[in-house]
Amino acid sequence: MARHLHAVALVVPDYDLALEFYVQTLRFVLRKDLRLSDEKRWVVIAPDEACATNILLARAKDDVQAAAIGNQFGGRVGLFLHTDDFDREHAVMTAAGVCFEEEPRVEEYGKVAVWRDPFGNRWDLLQLT
């Protein structure tokens, strides 16, 4: 029996705003965008075609969910975007206007820098050693 983590839900204020940032700015791949009802869509993205784990963009449906946008991980970094070329990816993201909170640093596990998406979610850009 093969298993893997298929997707992680990320609550966003609007599907199209999220797609504009993740697909247009970050160059993520749009895997699915299915309209389930007038208000709900099944929107799945991934960093690239080869990635096995996806992000399910989930539009907040009420005030409780809207309050979680940007704080889904309690203020911690909760998502980790791995790259095999940190310097290139950091330069491309910076040129695209991605907001980095810090300069790149080297840790025992690799090179890393924290950034935020437009909704306030904290991410690590990461190249493991």
C-alpha atoms as a PDB file:
ATOM      1  CA  MET A   1       0.000   0.000   0.000  1.00  0.00           C
ATOM      2  CA  ALA A   2       1.552   3.286  -1.117  1.00  0.00           C
ATOM      3  CA  ARG A   3       0.666   6.440   0.791  1.00  0.00           C
ATOM      4  CA  HIS A   4       1.633  10.081   0.595  1.00  0.00           C
ATOM      5  CA  LEU A   5       0.255  13.395   1.736  1.00  0.00           C
ATOM      6  CA  HIS A   6      -1.961  14.451  -1.179  1.00  0.00           C
ATOM      7  CA  ALA A   7      -2.780  18.018  -0.138  1.00  0.00           C
ATOM      8  CA  VAL A   8      -2.726  20.595   2.603  1.00  0.00           C
ATOM      9  CA  ALA A   9      -5.603  23.096   2.760  1.00  0.00           C
ATOM     10  CA  LEU A  10      -4.716  26.765   2.807  1.00  0.00           C
ATOM     11  CA  VAL A  11      -7.569  29.127   3.656  1.00  0.00           C
ATOM     12  CA  VAL A  12      -7.572  32.206   1.419  1.00  0.00           C
ATOM     13  CA  PRO A  13      -9.902  35.194   1.063  1.00  0.00           C
ATOM     14  CA  ASP A  14     -10.497  34.690  -2.668  1.00  0.00           C
ATOM     15  CA  TYR A  15      -9.690  31.916  -5.140  1.00  0.00           C
ATOM     16  CA  ASP A  16      -8.653  34.209  -7.976  1.00  0.00           C
ATOM     17  CA  LEU A  17      -6.399  36.407  -5.802  1.00  0.00           C
ATOM     18  CA  ALA A  18      -4.681  33.281  -4.525  1.00  0.00           C
ATOM     19  CA  LEU A  19      -4.256  31.896  -8.037  1.00  0.00           C
ATOM     20  CA  GLU A  20      -2.839  35.197  -9.237  1.00  0.00           C
ATOM     21  CA  PHE A  21      -0.152  35.065  -6.561  1.00  0.00           C
ATOM     22  CA  TYR A  22       0.686  31.358  -6.528  1.00  0.00           C
ATOM     23  CA  VAL A  23       0.370  30.586 -10.244  1.00  0.00           C
ATOM     24  CA  GLN A  24       1.307  33.912 -11.843  1.00  0.00           C
ATOM     25  CA  THR A  25       3.854  35.283  -9.356  1.00  0.00           C
ATOM     26  CA  LEU A  26       5.376  32.084  -7.940  1.00  0.00           C
ATOM     27  CA  ARG A  27       4.918  29.982 -11.098  1.00  0.00           C
ATOM     28  CA  PHE A  28       3.113  27.164  -9.263  1.00  0.00           C
ATOM     29  CA  VAL A  29       1.181  24.686 -11.409  1.00  0.00           C
ATOM     30  CA  LEU A  30      -2.608  24.773 -11.426  1.00  0.00           C
ATOM     31  CA  ARG A  31      -3.681  21.134 -11.167  1.00  0.00           C
ATOM     32  CA  LYS A  32      -7.461  21.533 -10.845  1.00  0.00           C
ATOM     33  CA  ASP A  33     -10.006  24.320 -10.750  1.00  0.00           C
ATOM     34  CA  LEU A  34     -13.459  22.773 -10.611  1.00  0.00           C
ATOM     35  CA  ARG A  35     -16.595  24.754  -9.795  1.00  0.00           C
ATOM     36  CA  LEU A  36     -18.568  22.779  -7.201  1.00  0.00           C
ATOM     37  CA  SER A  37     -21.271  25.401  -6.624  1.00  0.00           C
ATOM     38  CA  ASP A  38     -21.772  29.133  -7.079  1.00  0.00           C
ATOM     39  CA  GLU A  39     -19.525  29.757  -4.061  1.00  0.00           C
ATOM     40  CA  LYS A  40     -17.216  26.736  -3.829  1.00  0.00           C
ATOM     41  CA  ARG A  41     -14.406  25.508  -6.047  1.00  0.00           C
ATOM     42  CA  TRP A  42     -11.927  22.635  -5.849  1.00  0.00           C
ATOM     43  CA  VAL A  43      -8.664  24.494  -6.546  1.00  0.00           C
ATOM     44  CA  VAL A  44      -5.447  22.475  -6.358  1.00  0.00           C
ATOM     45  CA  ILE A  45      -1.959  23.858  -6.987  1.00  0.00           C
ATOM     46  CA  ALA A  46       1.583  22.537  -6.622  1.00  0.00           C
ATOM     47  CA  PRO A  47       5.073  24.044  -6.829  1.00  0.00           C
ATOM     48  CA  ASP A  48       5.798  22.054 -10.003  1.00  0.00           C
ATOM     49  CA  GLU A  49       4.594  19.133 -12.095  1.00  0.00           C
ATOM     50  CA  ALA A  50       6.763  16.578 -10.307  1.00  0.00           C
ATOM     51  CA  CYS A  51       5.581  17.504  -6.813  1.00  0.00           C
ATOM     52  CA  ALA A  52       3.478  14.787  -5.151  1.00  0.00           C
ATOM     53  CA  THR A  53       2.020  17.036  -2.450  1.00  0.00           C
ATOM     54  CA  ASN A  54      -0.487  19.723  -3.389  1.00  0.00           C
ATOM     55  CA  ILE A  55      -2.075  22.771  -1.809  1.00  0.00           C
ATOM     56  CA  LEU A  56      -5.856  22.935  -1.800  1.00  0.00           C
ATOM     57  CA  LEU A  57      -6.876  26.590  -1.882  1.00  0.00           C
ATOM     58  CA  ALA A  58      -9.979  26.879   0.295  1.00  0.00           C
ATOM     59  CA  ARG A  59     -11.916  30.157   0.254  1.00  0.00           C
ATOM     60  CA  ALA A  60     -13.027  31.206   3.739  1.00  0.00           C
ATOM     61  CA  LYS A  61     -16.759  30.639   4.046  1.00  0.00           C
ATOM     62  CA  ASP A  62     -17.453  32.461   7.309  1.00  0.00           C
ATOM     63  CA  ASP A  63     -15.968  34.889   9.834  1.00  0.00           C
ATOM     64  CA  VAL A  64     -14.234  32.124  11.809  1.00  0.00           C
ATOM     65  CA  GLN A  65     -12.391  30.867   8.741  1.00  0.00           C
ATOM     66  CA  ALA A  66     -11.654  34.410   7.553  1.00  0.00           C
ATOM     67  CA  ALA A  67     -10.061  35.169  10.922  1.00  0.00           C
ATOM     68  CA  ALA A  68      -7.628  32.265  10.380  1.00  0.00           C
ATOM     69  CA  ILE A  69      -6.288  33.620   7.081  1.00  0.00           C
ATOM     70  CA  GLY A  70      -2.611  34.397   7.536  1.00  0.00           C
ATOM     71  CA  ASN A  71      -2.494  32.798  10.971  1.00  0.00           C
ATOM     72  CA  GLN A  72      -3.248  29.173  10.198  1.00  0.00           C
ATOM     73  CA  PHE A  73      -0.024  28.105  11.867  1.00  0.00           C
ATOM     74  CA  GLY A  74      -0.240  30.297  14.961  1.00  0.00           C
ATOM     75  CA  GLY A  75       2.311  32.820  13.685  1.00  0.00           C
ATOM     76  CA  ARG A  76       4.925  30.159  12.910  1.00  0.00           C
ATOM     77  CA  VAL A  77       6.291  29.201   9.542  1.00  0.00           C
ATOM     78  CA  GLY A  78       3.923  26.481   8.429  1.00  0.00           C
ATOM     79  CA  LEU A  79       4.847  25.862   4.804  1.00  0.00           C
ATOM     80  CA  PHE A  80       8.258  24.998   3.377  1.00  0.00           C
ATOM     81  CA  LEU A  81       9.051  25.555  -0.289  1.00  0.00           C
ATOM     82  CA  HIS A  82      12.084  23.450  -1.178  1.00  0.00           C
ATOM     83  CA  THR A  83      14.354  24.336  -4.100  1.00  0.00           C
ATOM     84  CA  ASP A  84      17.509  22.806  -5.514  1.00  0.00           C
ATOM     85  CA  ASP A  85      18.903  26.290  -6.294  1.00  0.00           C
ATOM     86  CA  PHE A  86      18.227  28.655  -3.401  1.00  0.00           C
ATOM     87  CA  ASP A  87      20.041  31.677  -4.801  1.00  0.00           C
ATOM     88  CA  ARG A  88      18.258  31.530  -8.167  1.00  0.00           C
ATOM     89  CA  GLU A  89      14.835  31.012  -6.583  1.00  0.00           C
ATOM     90  CA  HIS A  90      15.390  33.764  -4.019  1.00  0.00           C
ATOM     91  CA  ALA A  91      16.383  36.194  -6.793  1.00  0.00           C
ATOM     92  CA  VAL A  92      13.361  35.294  -8.941  1.00  0.00           C
ATOM     93  CA  MET A  93      10.959  35.599  -6.011  1.00  0.00           C
ATOM     94  CA  THR A  94      12.461  38.907  -4.883  1.00  0.00           C
ATOM     95  CA  ALA A  95      12.213  40.314  -8.417  1.00  0.00           C
ATOM     96  CA  ALA A  96       8.554  39.224  -8.507  1.00  0.00           C
ATOM     97  CA  GLY A  97       7.854  41.238  -5.342  1.00  0.00           C
ATOM     98  CA  VAL A  98       7.697  38.439  -2.776  1.00  0.00           C
ATOM     99  CA  CYS A  99       8.085  39.866   0.731  1.00  0.00           C
ATOM    100  CA  PHE A 100      11.027  38.257   2.533  1.00  0.00           C
ATOM    101  CA  GLU A 101      11.202  38.892   6.279  1.00  0.00           C
ATOM    102  CA  GLU A 102      14.935  38.323   6.482  1.00  0.00           C
ATOM    103  CA  GLU A 103      18.121  37.881   4.552  1.00  0.00           C
ATOM    104  CA  PRO A 104      19.018  34.287   3.609  1.00  0.00           C
ATOM    105  CA  ARG A 105      20.854  32.401   6.325  1.00  0.00           C
ATOM    106  CA  VAL A 106      22.654  29.082   6.604  1.00  0.00           C
ATOM    107  CA  GLU A 107      21.501  26.602   9.238  1.00  0.00           C
ATOM    108  CA  GLU A 108      22.734  23.083   9.980  1.00  0.00           C
ATOM    109  CA  TYR A 109      19.995  21.675   7.749  1.00  0.00           C
ATOM    110  CA  GLY A 110      20.472  24.076   4.822  1.00  0.00           C
ATOM    111  CA  LYS A 111      19.962  27.564   3.427  1.00  0.00           C
ATOM    112  CA  VAL A 112      16.713  29.287   4.392  1.00  0.00           C
ATOM    113  CA  ALA A 113      14.818  32.580   4.361  1.00  0.00           C
ATOM    114  CA  VAL A 114      11.344  33.337   5.705  1.00  0.00           C
ATOM    115  CA  TRP A 115       8.791  35.009   3.415  1.00  0.00           C
ATOM    116  CA  ARG A 116       5.088  35.810   3.541  1.00  0.00           C
ATOM    117  CA  ASP A 117       2.395  35.348   0.962  1.00  0.00           C
ATOM    118  CA  PRO A 118      -0.017  38.285   0.398  1.00  0.00           C
ATOM    119  CA  PHE A 119      -2.422  36.755   2.915  1.00  0.00           C
ATOM    120  CA  GLY A 120       0.080  36.713   5.792  1.00  0.00           C
ATOM    121  CA  ASN A 121       1.083  33.037   5.777  1.00  0.00           C
ATOM    122  CA  ARG A 122       4.721  32.540   6.695  1.00  0.00           C
ATOM    123  CA  TRP A 123       6.820  30.225   4.506  1.00  0.00           C
ATOM    124  CA  ASP A 124      10.417  29.085   4.408  1.00  0.00           C
ATOM    125  CA  LEU A 125      12.295  29.080   1.124  1.00  0.00           C
ATOM    126  CA  LEU A 126      14.621  26.189   1.754  1.00  0.00           C
ATOM    127  CA  GLN A 127      17.501  24.318   0.178  1.00  0.00           C
ATOM    128  CA  LEU A 128      18.492  21.306   2.262  1.00  0.00           C
ATOM    129  CA  THR A 129      22.129  20.291   2.603  1.00  0.00           C
END
